[in-house]
Amino acid sequence: MNDLGALFMRAALAENMPLTFFLGLCTFLALSRRPGTALGLGVAMIVVLGVATPLNHIVYRALLAPGAWAWAGLREVDLSYLSLLVFIGIIAALVQLLEMLMDRFMPGLHAAFGVFLPLLAIQCAIIAGSLFMVERRYNLAESAVFGLGAGAGFALAVVMLAAIRTRLAYADLPAGLRGLGMTFILAGLMSLGFSAFAQLVVLS
């Protein structure tokens, strides 16, 4: 497997945002009640992470990184301290565009998302994708693959959780485990399962 393929698999499985880093759990738990809504969330995460991460890479390297303004004779300028604010602004613009498109073409799914769709603008898993990209010094291709992989991993995890929760809706659970109680247990068990992928990366 080439390096980009390995990076995609690592981002999706070994470094799964909600199950390994426990990022984005608010939407992960709230929108995993129905498989349809979970699938919509997964597609939204793939789109936003897949576009925002390489776009933020371009902006960071061109404007914010140390020495980015060397072409203008301002070699000492370092605007990297603005990275978080700029990343959030770009992600918010992408989420707003996605919300407008969903409201126009998929009103049912847009209504199911409710307040959680605008909250994707400050969703920690999406922001983490751009911050990891900077910290790990990915190039543009690696940033795009990492963003798509992280989004695909989030989609896989939330759809799996939604499928299990739908099945358990017909189970006779103890009163104390109904609702979020069992959901937290399921997320913990899934996290243990995904930790095996992390061990494979360590051993490879």
N, C-alpha and C. Protein backbone atom coordinates (compact mmCIF):
# COMPACT_ATOMS: atom_id res chain seq x y z
N MET A 1 0.85 -1.19 0.00
CA MET A 1 0.00 0.00 0.00
C MET A 1 0.88 1.25 0.00
N ASN A 2 0.54 2.20 -0.87
CA ASN A 2 1.37 3.40 -0.93
C ASN A 2 1.15 4.27 0.29
N ASP A 3 1.97 5.31 0.40
CA ASP A 3 1.93 6.15 1.60
C ASP A 3 0.59 6.85 1.77
N LEU A 4 0.00 7.35 0.68
CA LEU A 4 -1.28 8.05 0.79
C LEU A 4 -2.40 7.10 1.18
N GLY A 5 -2.36 5.88 0.64
CA GLY A 5 -3.36 4.89 1.03
C GLY A 5 -3.24 4.52 2.50
N ALA A 6 -2.01 4.37 2.97
CA ALA A 6 -1.79 4.06 4.38
C ALA A 6 -2.24 5.21 5.26
N LEU A 7 -2.01 6.45 4.81
CA LEU A 7 -2.45 7.61 5.57
C LEU A 7 -3.97 7.66 5.66
N PHE A 8 -4.65 7.35 4.56
CA PHE A 8 -6.12 7.33 4.57
C PHE A 8 -6.64 6.29 5.57
N MET A 9 -6.09 5.09 5.52
CA MET A 9 -6.54 4.03 6.43
C MET A 9 -6.23 4.39 7.88
N ARG A 10 -5.08 4.99 8.12
CA ARG A 10 -4.74 5.37 9.49
C ARG A 10 -5.68 6.45 10.01
N ALA A 11 -6.00 7.44 9.16
CA ALA A 11 -6.90 8.51 9.58
C ALA A 11 -8.30 7.98 9.83
N ALA A 12 -8.74 7.02 9.03
CA ALA A 12 -10.10 6.50 9.15
C ALA A 12 -10.26 5.51 10.29
N LEU A 13 -9.25 4.69 10.53
CA LEU A 13 -9.41 3.59 11.48
C LEU A 13 -8.55 3.76 12.73
N ALA A 14 -7.23 3.81 12.55
CA ALA A 14 -6.35 3.85 13.71
C ALA A 14 -6.46 5.16 14.48
N GLU A 15 -6.72 6.27 13.77
CA GLU A 15 -6.85 7.57 14.42
C GLU A 15 -8.27 8.12 14.25
N ASN A 16 -9.25 7.25 14.41
CA ASN A 16 -10.65 7.63 14.25
C ASN A 16 -11.00 8.76 15.21
N MET A 17 -11.54 9.85 14.68
CA MET A 17 -11.77 11.05 15.48
C MET A 17 -12.64 10.80 16.72
N PRO A 18 -13.85 10.23 16.58
CA PRO A 18 -14.67 10.07 17.78
C PRO A 18 -14.29 8.89 18.67
N LEU A 19 -13.71 7.84 18.10
CA LEU A 19 -13.47 6.62 18.88
C LEU A 19 -12.03 6.47 19.37
N THR A 20 -11.09 7.21 18.80
CA THR A 20 -9.71 7.16 19.27
C THR A 20 -9.31 8.44 19.99
N PHE A 21 -9.63 9.59 19.38
CA PHE A 21 -9.31 10.88 19.99
C PHE A 21 -10.48 11.46 20.78
N PHE A 22 -11.66 10.84 20.70
CA PHE A 22 -12.87 11.30 21.39
C PHE A 22 -13.19 12.74 21.05
N LEU A 23 -13.09 13.07 19.77
CA LEU A 23 -13.41 14.40 19.26
C LEU A 23 -14.74 14.35 18.52
N GLY A 24 -15.53 15.38 18.68
CA GLY A 24 -16.82 15.46 17.99
C GLY A 24 -17.89 14.58 18.60
N LEU A 25 -17.77 14.27 19.88
CA LEU A 25 -18.74 13.36 20.50
C LEU A 25 -20.13 13.96 20.63
N CYS A 26 -20.23 15.29 20.64
CA CYS A 26 -21.56 15.91 20.79
C CYS A 26 -22.46 15.50 19.63
N THR A 27 -22.02 15.74 18.40
CA THR A 27 -22.82 15.35 17.24
C THR A 27 -22.80 13.84 17.04
N PHE A 28 -21.71 13.20 17.40
CA PHE A 28 -21.59 11.75 17.24
C PHE A 28 -22.68 11.02 18.04
N LEU A 29 -22.94 11.46 19.25
CA LEU A 29 -23.95 10.82 20.09
C LEU A 29 -25.35 11.32 19.77
N ALA A 30 -25.48 12.63 19.50
CA ALA A 30 -26.81 13.21 19.32
C ALA A 30 -27.46 12.79 18.00
N LEU A 31 -26.68 12.59 16.96
CA LEU A 31 -27.24 12.31 15.64
C LEU A 31 -27.06 10.86 15.21
N SER A 32 -26.90 9.97 16.18
CA SER A 32 -26.74 8.55 15.85
C SER A 32 -27.98 7.74 16.25
N ARG A 33 -29.13 8.41 16.37
CA ARG A 33 -30.34 7.69 16.73
C ARG A 33 -30.91 6.93 15.54
N ARG A 34 -30.81 7.51 14.33
CA ARG A 34 -31.37 6.90 13.13
C ARG A 34 -30.27 6.79 12.07
N PRO A 35 -30.23 5.64 11.37
CA PRO A 35 -29.18 5.46 10.35
C PRO A 35 -29.21 6.52 9.26
N GLY A 36 -30.39 6.97 8.85
CA GLY A 36 -30.47 7.98 7.80
C GLY A 36 -29.83 9.29 8.20
N THR A 37 -30.13 9.74 9.40
CA THR A 37 -29.52 10.97 9.90
C THR A 37 -28.02 10.79 10.09
N ALA A 38 -27.63 9.62 10.60
CA ALA A 38 -26.20 9.35 10.81
C ALA A 38 -25.44 9.35 9.49
N LEU A 39 -26.06 8.77 8.46
CA LEU A 39 -25.42 8.76 7.14
C LEU A 39 -25.27 10.18 6.60
N GLY A 40 -26.31 11.00 6.80
CA GLY A 40 -26.22 12.40 6.38
C GLY A 40 -25.10 13.14 7.09
N LEU A 41 -24.98 12.89 8.40
CA LEU A 41 -23.89 13.50 9.16
C LEU A 41 -22.54 13.02 8.64
N GLY A 42 -22.45 11.73 8.36
CA GLY A 42 -21.19 11.19 7.85
C GLY A 42 -20.78 11.82 6.53
N VAL A 43 -21.74 11.97 5.61
CA VAL A 43 -21.44 12.61 4.32
C VAL A 43 -21.02 14.05 4.53
N ALA A 44 -21.72 14.76 5.44
CA ALA A 44 -21.36 16.15 5.73
C ALA A 44 -19.94 16.25 6.28
N MET A 45 -19.57 15.32 7.16
CA MET A 45 -18.22 15.33 7.73
C MET A 45 -17.17 15.05 6.65
N ILE A 46 -17.46 14.12 5.74
CA ILE A 46 -16.51 13.83 4.67
C ILE A 46 -16.30 15.05 3.79
N VAL A 47 -17.41 15.72 3.46
CA VAL A 47 -17.32 16.90 2.59
C VAL A 47 -16.55 18.02 3.27
N VAL A 48 -16.95 18.33 4.52
CA VAL A 48 -16.33 19.47 5.20
C VAL A 48 -14.86 19.19 5.51
N LEU A 49 -14.56 18.02 6.05
CA LEU A 49 -13.16 17.69 6.34
C LEU A 49 -12.34 17.54 5.07
N GLY A 50 -12.94 16.93 4.04
CA GLY A 50 -12.21 16.72 2.80
C GLY A 50 -11.89 18.00 2.06
N VAL A 51 -12.71 19.04 2.25
CA VAL A 51 -12.46 20.32 1.59
C VAL A 51 -11.69 21.27 2.51
N ALA A 52 -12.08 21.32 3.79
CA ALA A 52 -11.50 22.30 4.71
C ALA A 52 -10.03 22.02 4.99
N THR A 53 -9.64 20.77 5.15
CA THR A 53 -8.25 20.47 5.51
C THR A 53 -7.26 20.89 4.43
N PRO A 54 -7.43 20.50 3.15
CA PRO A 54 -6.48 21.00 2.14
C PRO A 54 -6.60 22.50 1.89
N LEU A 55 -7.82 23.05 2.01
CA LEU A 55 -7.98 24.50 1.81
C LEU A 55 -7.24 25.27 2.91
N ASN A 56 -7.38 24.80 4.14
CA ASN A 56 -6.65 25.43 5.24
C ASN A 56 -5.14 25.26 5.07
N HIS A 57 -4.71 24.15 4.48
CA HIS A 57 -3.29 23.95 4.21
C HIS A 57 -2.77 25.03 3.25
N ILE A 58 -3.54 25.26 2.20
CA ILE A 58 -3.13 26.27 1.21
C ILE A 58 -3.03 27.65 1.85
N VAL A 59 -4.07 28.01 2.63
CA VAL A 59 -4.07 29.32 3.28
C VAL A 59 -2.92 29.43 4.28
N TYR A 60 -2.69 28.36 5.04
CA TYR A 60 -1.62 28.40 6.04
C TYR A 60 -0.26 28.57 5.38
N ARG A 61 0.02 27.77 4.36
CA ARG A 61 1.34 27.84 3.71
C ARG A 61 1.53 29.15 2.96
N ALA A 62 0.46 29.68 2.41
CA ALA A 62 0.59 30.89 1.59
C ALA A 62 0.60 32.17 2.40
N LEU A 63 -0.08 32.18 3.57
CA LEU A 63 -0.25 33.43 4.30
C LEU A 63 0.20 33.41 5.75
N LEU A 64 0.11 32.27 6.41
CA LEU A 64 0.27 32.26 7.86
C LEU A 64 1.59 31.66 8.35
N ALA A 65 2.15 30.74 7.63
CA ALA A 65 3.34 30.03 8.10
C ALA A 65 4.54 30.98 8.20
N PRO A 66 5.47 30.67 9.08
CA PRO A 66 6.69 31.49 9.16
C PRO A 66 7.40 31.54 7.81
N GLY A 67 7.73 32.75 7.35
CA GLY A 67 8.40 32.91 6.08
C GLY A 67 7.49 32.92 4.87
N ALA A 68 6.15 32.85 5.10
CA ALA A 68 5.22 32.82 3.97
C ALA A 68 5.26 34.10 3.16
N TRP A 69 5.66 35.20 3.80
CA TRP A 69 5.68 36.50 3.11
C TRP A 69 7.07 36.87 2.62
N ALA A 70 7.95 35.88 2.47
CA ALA A 70 9.31 36.15 2.01
C ALA A 70 9.32 36.76 0.61
N TRP A 71 8.34 36.38 -0.20
CA TRP A 71 8.28 36.90 -1.56
C TRP A 71 8.07 38.43 -1.58
N ALA A 72 7.52 38.98 -0.49
CA ALA A 72 7.30 40.42 -0.40
C ALA A 72 8.40 41.10 0.41
N GLY A 73 9.47 40.38 0.71
CA GLY A 73 10.56 40.96 1.49
C GLY A 73 10.28 40.99 2.97
N LEU A 74 9.25 40.26 3.42
CA LEU A 74 8.88 40.23 4.84
C LEU A 74 9.14 38.83 5.40
N ARG A 75 10.37 38.41 5.29
CA ARG A 75 10.73 37.04 5.68
C ARG A 75 10.49 36.77 7.16
N GLU A 76 10.57 37.81 8.00
CA GLU A 76 10.43 37.61 9.45
C GLU A 76 8.98 37.55 9.92
N VAL A 77 8.03 37.83 9.04
CA VAL A 77 6.62 37.84 9.44
C VAL A 77 6.15 36.41 9.72
N ASP A 78 5.52 36.24 10.88
CA ASP A 78 4.98 34.94 11.28
C ASP A 78 3.55 35.16 11.79
N LEU A 79 2.57 34.74 10.99
CA LEU A 79 1.16 34.90 11.36
C LEU A 79 0.52 33.59 11.80
N SER A 80 1.34 32.62 12.17
CA SER A 80 0.80 31.31 12.54
C SER A 80 -0.08 31.37 13.79
N TYR A 81 0.08 32.41 14.61
CA TYR A 81 -0.76 32.54 15.81
C TYR A 81 -2.22 32.81 15.44
N LEU A 82 -2.47 33.18 14.19
CA LEU A 82 -3.85 33.41 13.73
C LEU A 82 -4.48 32.16 13.12
N SER A 83 -3.75 31.07 13.15
CA SER A 83 -4.21 29.86 12.45
C SER A 83 -5.59 29.41 12.90
N LEU A 84 -5.81 29.32 14.20
CA LEU A 84 -7.08 28.81 14.70
C LEU A 84 -8.24 29.67 14.25
N LEU A 85 -8.09 30.99 14.34
CA LEU A 85 -9.17 31.89 13.93
C LEU A 85 -9.45 31.77 12.43
N VAL A 86 -8.39 31.71 11.64
CA VAL A 86 -8.57 31.60 10.19
C VAL A 86 -9.20 30.27 9.83
N PHE A 87 -8.75 29.18 10.46
CA PHE A 87 -9.32 27.87 10.19
C PHE A 87 -10.80 27.83 10.51
N ILE A 88 -11.18 28.39 11.66
CA ILE A 88 -12.60 28.40 12.05
C ILE A 88 -13.41 29.21 11.04
N GLY A 89 -12.87 30.35 10.57
CA GLY A 89 -13.59 31.16 9.59
C GLY A 89 -13.83 30.41 8.30
N ILE A 90 -12.81 29.70 7.81
CA ILE A 90 -12.95 28.93 6.57
C ILE A 90 -13.94 27.79 6.75
N ILE A 91 -13.84 27.09 7.88
CA ILE A 91 -14.76 25.98 8.14
C ILE A 91 -16.19 26.50 8.27
N ALA A 92 -16.38 27.64 8.93
CA ALA A 92 -17.72 28.21 9.08
C ALA A 92 -18.32 28.55 7.72
N ALA A 93 -17.50 29.09 6.82
CA ALA A 93 -17.99 29.42 5.48
C ALA A 93 -18.41 28.15 4.73
N LEU A 94 -17.63 27.09 4.86
CA LEU A 94 -17.98 25.83 4.19
C LEU A 94 -19.25 25.23 4.76
N VAL A 95 -19.40 25.28 6.09
CA VAL A 95 -20.60 24.74 6.72
C VAL A 95 -21.83 25.56 6.32
N GLN A 96 -21.69 26.88 6.24
CA GLN A 96 -22.80 27.71 5.80
C GLN A 96 -23.22 27.37 4.38
N LEU A 97 -22.26 27.15 3.50
CA LEU A 97 -22.57 26.76 2.13
C LEU A 97 -23.26 25.40 2.11
N LEU A 98 -22.76 24.45 2.91
CA LEU A 98 -23.37 23.13 2.98
C LEU A 98 -24.80 23.23 3.51
N GLU A 99 -25.02 24.07 4.51
CA GLU A 99 -26.36 24.23 5.07
C GLU A 99 -27.33 24.80 4.04
N MET A 100 -26.87 25.76 3.26
CA MET A 100 -27.73 26.34 2.21
C MET A 100 -28.09 25.29 1.16
N LEU A 101 -27.11 24.47 0.77
CA LEU A 101 -27.38 23.44 -0.22
C LEU A 101 -28.34 22.38 0.31
N MET A 102 -28.16 21.98 1.57
CA MET A 102 -29.05 20.98 2.16
C MET A 102 -30.46 21.53 2.33
N ASP A 103 -30.57 22.79 2.73
CA ASP A 103 -31.89 23.40 2.88
C ASP A 103 -32.62 23.47 1.54
N ARG A 104 -31.85 23.64 0.47
CA ARG A 104 -32.45 23.75 -0.87
C ARG A 104 -32.80 22.40 -1.45
N PHE A 105 -31.90 21.42 -1.33
CA PHE A 105 -32.07 20.16 -2.04
C PHE A 105 -32.45 18.99 -1.13
N MET A 106 -32.19 19.06 0.17
CA MET A 106 -32.52 17.97 1.10
C MET A 106 -33.16 18.54 2.36
N PRO A 107 -34.36 19.11 2.25
CA PRO A 107 -34.98 19.78 3.41
C PRO A 107 -35.27 18.83 4.57
N GLY A 108 -35.59 17.57 4.26
CA GLY A 108 -35.86 16.61 5.34
C GLY A 108 -34.64 16.35 6.19
N LEU A 109 -33.51 16.12 5.54
CA LEU A 109 -32.26 15.89 6.27
C LEU A 109 -31.82 17.16 6.98
N HIS A 110 -32.04 18.30 6.35
CA HIS A 110 -31.70 19.58 6.98
C HIS A 110 -32.48 19.78 8.27
N ALA A 111 -33.76 19.42 8.24
CA ALA A 111 -34.59 19.55 9.44
C ALA A 111 -34.15 18.56 10.52
N ALA A 112 -33.72 17.36 10.10
CA ALA A 112 -33.28 16.36 11.08
C ALA A 112 -32.01 16.80 11.81
N PHE A 113 -31.15 17.51 11.11
CA PHE A 113 -29.92 17.99 11.74
C PHE A 113 -30.22 19.03 12.80
N GLY A 114 -31.21 19.89 12.56
CA GLY A 114 -31.58 20.92 13.53
C GLY A 114 -30.41 21.84 13.82
N VAL A 115 -30.19 22.09 15.11
CA VAL A 115 -29.14 23.03 15.52
C VAL A 115 -27.74 22.46 15.34
N PHE A 116 -27.64 21.15 15.12
CA PHE A 116 -26.31 20.53 15.06
C PHE A 116 -25.58 20.83 13.76
N LEU A 117 -26.30 21.16 12.69
CA LEU A 117 -25.62 21.48 11.43
C LEU A 117 -24.80 22.76 11.55
N PRO A 118 -25.37 23.88 12.04
CA PRO A 118 -24.52 25.08 12.23
C PRO A 118 -23.36 24.84 13.20
N LEU A 119 -23.56 23.92 14.15
CA LEU A 119 -22.50 23.66 15.12
C LEU A 119 -21.31 22.94 14.50
N LEU A 120 -21.46 22.41 13.28
CA LEU A 120 -20.31 21.81 12.61
C LEU A 120 -19.21 22.83 12.36
N ALA A 121 -19.59 24.12 12.35
CA ALA A 121 -18.60 25.17 12.12
C ALA A 121 -17.54 25.20 13.22
N ILE A 122 -17.92 24.78 14.42
CA ILE A 122 -16.97 24.76 15.54
C ILE A 122 -16.83 23.34 16.09
N GLN A 123 -17.11 22.35 15.24
CA GLN A 123 -17.01 20.97 15.67
C GLN A 123 -15.53 20.62 15.84
N CYS A 124 -15.19 20.13 17.01
CA CYS A 124 -13.77 19.95 17.34
C CYS A 124 -13.08 18.94 16.44
N ALA A 125 -13.79 17.94 15.93
CA ALA A 125 -13.16 16.96 15.04
C ALA A 125 -12.74 17.62 13.73
N ILE A 126 -13.56 18.55 13.23
CA ILE A 126 -13.24 19.22 11.97
C ILE A 126 -12.05 20.16 12.17
N ILE A 127 -12.08 20.93 13.26
CA ILE A 127 -10.97 21.84 13.54
C ILE A 127 -9.69 21.05 13.79
N ALA A 128 -9.81 19.90 14.47
CA ALA A 128 -8.63 19.08 14.76
C ALA A 128 -7.96 18.61 13.48
N GLY A 129 -8.75 18.33 12.43
CA GLY A 129 -8.15 17.90 11.17
C GLY A 129 -7.15 18.92 10.64
N SER A 130 -7.50 20.20 10.71
CA SER A 130 -6.59 21.25 10.23
C SER A 130 -5.41 21.44 11.17
N LEU A 131 -5.66 21.34 12.47
CA LEU A 131 -4.56 21.50 13.43
C LEU A 131 -3.57 20.35 13.34
N PHE A 132 -4.06 19.13 13.15
CA PHE A 132 -3.16 17.99 12.96
C PHE A 132 -2.34 18.17 11.69
N MET A 133 -2.99 18.70 10.65
CA MET A 133 -2.29 18.92 9.38
C MET A 133 -1.08 19.84 9.57
N VAL A 134 -1.25 20.89 10.38
CA VAL A 134 -0.15 21.82 10.63
C VAL A 134 0.92 21.15 11.49
N GLU A 135 0.48 20.51 12.56
CA GLU A 135 1.43 19.91 13.50
C GLU A 135 2.28 18.82 12.85
N ARG A 136 1.68 18.05 11.97
CA ARG A 136 2.38 16.93 11.34
C ARG A 136 3.07 17.33 10.03
N ARG A 137 2.94 18.58 9.63
CA ARG A 137 3.62 19.11 8.44
C ARG A 137 3.25 18.32 7.18
N TYR A 138 1.96 18.05 7.01
CA TYR A 138 1.51 17.37 5.79
C TYR A 138 1.63 18.31 4.59
N ASN A 139 1.90 17.74 3.43
CA ASN A 139 1.84 18.53 2.21
C ASN A 139 0.39 18.56 1.73
N LEU A 140 0.14 19.19 0.57
CA LEU A 140 -1.23 19.38 0.12
C LEU A 140 -1.94 18.05 -0.15
N ALA A 141 -1.27 17.13 -0.81
CA ALA A 141 -1.88 15.83 -1.10
C ALA A 141 -2.17 15.07 0.19
N GLU A 142 -1.22 15.07 1.11
CA GLU A 142 -1.43 14.39 2.38
C GLU A 142 -2.56 15.04 3.18
N SER A 143 -2.67 16.36 3.12
CA SER A 143 -3.74 17.05 3.83
C SER A 143 -5.11 16.64 3.28
N ALA A 144 -5.22 16.56 1.95
CA ALA A 144 -6.49 16.15 1.33
C ALA A 144 -6.85 14.72 1.70
N VAL A 145 -5.88 13.83 1.63
CA VAL A 145 -6.14 12.42 1.96
C VAL A 145 -6.46 12.27 3.44
N PHE A 146 -5.74 12.99 4.29
CA PHE A 146 -6.02 12.91 5.73
C PHE A 146 -7.42 13.42 6.03
N GLY A 147 -7.83 14.54 5.41
CA GLY A 147 -9.17 15.06 5.64
C GLY A 147 -10.24 14.10 5.19
N LEU A 148 -10.08 13.51 4.02
CA LEU A 148 -11.06 12.54 3.53
C LEU A 148 -11.09 11.30 4.41
N GLY A 149 -9.93 10.84 4.84
CA GLY A 149 -9.86 9.67 5.70
C GLY A 149 -10.51 9.92 7.05
N ALA A 150 -10.24 11.08 7.64
CA ALA A 150 -10.85 11.42 8.92
C ALA A 150 -12.36 11.51 8.80
N GLY A 151 -12.84 12.12 7.70
CA GLY A 151 -14.28 12.20 7.48
C GLY A 151 -14.91 10.84 7.27
N ALA A 152 -14.24 9.99 6.49
CA ALA A 152 -14.75 8.64 6.25
C ALA A 152 -14.78 7.82 7.54
N GLY A 153 -13.77 7.98 8.37
CA GLY A 153 -13.75 7.27 9.65
C GLY A 153 -14.89 7.72 10.56
N PHE A 154 -15.15 9.03 10.59
CA PHE A 154 -16.26 9.55 11.39
C PHE A 154 -17.57 8.99 10.85
N ALA A 155 -17.73 8.99 9.53
CA ALA A 155 -18.96 8.47 8.92
C ALA A 155 -19.16 6.99 9.26
N LEU A 156 -18.10 6.21 9.15
CA LEU A 156 -18.18 4.78 9.46
C LEU A 156 -18.61 4.57 10.91
N ALA A 157 -17.99 5.30 11.82
CA ALA A 157 -18.29 5.12 13.24
C ALA A 157 -19.72 5.52 13.57
N VAL A 158 -20.19 6.66 13.06
CA VAL A 158 -21.53 7.13 13.43
C VAL A 158 -22.61 6.26 12.81
N VAL A 159 -22.39 5.74 11.59
CA VAL A 159 -23.37 4.85 10.97
C VAL A 159 -23.42 3.52 11.71
N MET A 160 -22.27 3.01 12.11
CA MET A 160 -22.25 1.77 12.89
C MET A 160 -23.00 1.94 14.21
N LEU A 161 -22.75 3.04 14.90
CA LEU A 161 -23.43 3.28 16.17
C LEU A 161 -24.93 3.42 15.96
N ALA A 162 -25.34 4.12 14.91
CA ALA A 162 -26.77 4.30 14.63
C ALA A 162 -27.44 2.96 14.33
N ALA A 163 -26.76 2.08 13.59
CA ALA A 163 -27.33 0.77 13.28
C ALA A 163 -27.53 -0.06 14.54
N ILE A 164 -26.55 -0.01 15.44
CA ILE A 164 -26.67 -0.76 16.69
C ILE A 164 -27.79 -0.19 17.56
N ARG A 165 -27.86 1.14 17.64
CA ARG A 165 -28.91 1.77 18.46
C ARG A 165 -30.30 1.48 17.91
N THR A 166 -30.43 1.44 16.60
CA THR A 166 -31.72 1.11 16.00
C THR A 166 -32.13 -0.31 16.36
N ARG A 167 -31.18 -1.22 16.32
CA ARG A 167 -31.47 -2.62 16.67
C ARG A 167 -31.84 -2.74 18.15
N LEU A 168 -31.14 -2.00 19.01
CA LEU A 168 -31.40 -2.08 20.45
C LEU A 168 -32.69 -1.39 20.86
N ALA A 169 -33.29 -0.62 19.95
CA ALA A 169 -34.58 0.03 20.28
C ALA A 169 -35.65 -1.01 20.57
N TYR A 170 -35.47 -2.22 20.06
CA TYR A 170 -36.45 -3.29 20.28
C TYR A 170 -36.03 -4.24 21.40
N ALA A 171 -34.91 -3.94 22.05
CA ALA A 171 -34.42 -4.80 23.12
C ALA A 171 -35.02 -4.39 24.46
N ASP A 172 -35.14 -5.35 25.34
CA ASP A 172 -35.68 -5.10 26.68
C ASP A 172 -34.51 -4.76 27.62
N LEU A 173 -34.10 -3.49 27.57
CA LEU A 173 -32.96 -3.06 28.38
C LEU A 173 -33.41 -2.65 29.77
N PRO A 174 -32.54 -2.79 30.77
CA PRO A 174 -32.87 -2.26 32.11
C PRO A 174 -33.12 -0.75 32.03
N ALA A 175 -33.99 -0.27 32.88
CA ALA A 175 -34.40 1.14 32.82
C ALA A 175 -33.20 2.08 32.91
N GLY A 176 -32.22 1.73 33.72
CA GLY A 176 -31.08 2.62 33.91
C GLY A 176 -30.14 2.70 32.72
N LEU A 177 -30.27 1.77 31.77
CA LEU A 177 -29.38 1.76 30.61
C LEU A 177 -30.04 2.29 29.35
N ARG A 178 -31.29 2.62 29.41
CA ARG A 178 -31.97 3.10 28.21
C ARG A 178 -31.50 4.52 27.86
N GLY A 179 -31.45 4.80 26.57
CA GLY A 179 -31.05 6.14 26.14
C GLY A 179 -29.54 6.28 26.09
N LEU A 180 -29.06 7.40 26.64
CA LEU A 180 -27.63 7.70 26.55
C LEU A 180 -26.75 6.74 27.34
N GLY A 181 -27.32 6.12 28.38
CA GLY A 181 -26.52 5.18 29.17
C GLY A 181 -25.96 4.06 28.30
N MET A 182 -26.83 3.39 27.56
CA MET A 182 -26.38 2.32 26.67
C MET A 182 -25.55 2.87 25.52
N THR A 183 -25.85 4.09 25.07
CA THR A 183 -25.08 4.69 23.98
C THR A 183 -23.62 4.89 24.38
N PHE A 184 -23.39 5.36 25.61
CA PHE A 184 -22.02 5.53 26.08
C PHE A 184 -21.30 4.18 26.18
N ILE A 185 -22.01 3.15 26.62
CA ILE A 185 -21.40 1.83 26.70
C ILE A 185 -21.03 1.32 25.31
N LEU A 186 -21.95 1.51 24.35
CA LEU A 186 -21.68 1.09 22.98
C LEU A 186 -20.47 1.84 22.40
N ALA A 187 -20.43 3.15 22.63
CA ALA A 187 -19.30 3.94 22.12
C ALA A 187 -17.99 3.47 22.74
N GLY A 188 -18.02 3.12 24.02
CA GLY A 188 -16.81 2.61 24.68
C GLY A 188 -16.36 1.28 24.10
N LEU A 189 -17.31 0.39 23.84
CA LEU A 189 -16.96 -0.91 23.25
C LEU A 189 -16.43 -0.75 21.83
N MET A 190 -17.04 0.15 21.08
CA MET A 190 -16.54 0.42 19.73
C MET A 190 -15.14 1.01 19.78
N SER A 191 -14.89 1.87 20.77
CA SER A 191 -13.56 2.47 20.92
C SER A 191 -12.52 1.39 21.20
N LEU A 192 -12.88 0.41 22.03
CA LEU A 192 -11.95 -0.69 22.29
C LEU A 192 -11.66 -1.48 21.02
N GLY A 193 -12.70 -1.68 20.21
CA GLY A 193 -12.51 -2.39 18.95
C GLY A 193 -11.58 -1.64 18.00
N PHE A 194 -11.80 -0.32 17.89
CA PHE A 194 -10.97 0.48 16.99
C PHE A 194 -9.54 0.63 17.51
N SER A 195 -9.33 0.42 18.81
CA SER A 195 -7.96 0.52 19.33
C SER A 195 -7.07 -0.57 18.76
N ALA A 196 -7.68 -1.67 18.27
CA ALA A 196 -6.88 -2.73 17.63
C ALA A 196 -6.19 -2.22 16.37
N PHE A 197 -6.88 -1.31 15.65
CA PHE A 197 -6.25 -0.74 14.45
C PHE A 197 -5.02 0.07 14.82
N ALA A 198 -5.09 0.79 15.95
CA ALA A 198 -3.94 1.55 16.39
C ALA A 198 -2.75 0.63 16.70
N GLN A 199 -3.04 -0.52 17.25
CA GLN A 199 -1.97 -1.48 17.55
C GLN A 199 -1.34 -2.03 16.26
N LEU A 200 -2.17 -2.19 15.22
CA LEU A 200 -1.63 -2.65 13.94
C LEU A 200 -0.66 -1.64 13.36
N VAL A 201 -0.99 -0.35 13.52
CA VAL A 201 -0.10 0.70 13.02
C VAL A 201 1.22 0.67 13.78
N VAL A 202 1.17 0.46 15.10
CA VAL A 202 2.38 0.42 15.90
C VAL A 202 3.26 -0.76 15.49
N LEU A 203 2.63 -1.91 15.20
CA LEU A 203 3.38 -3.10 14.88
C LEU A 203 3.92 -3.10 13.44
N SER A 204 3.27 -2.31 12.57
CA SER A 204 3.69 -2.31 11.15
C SER A 204 4.94 -1.48 10.92
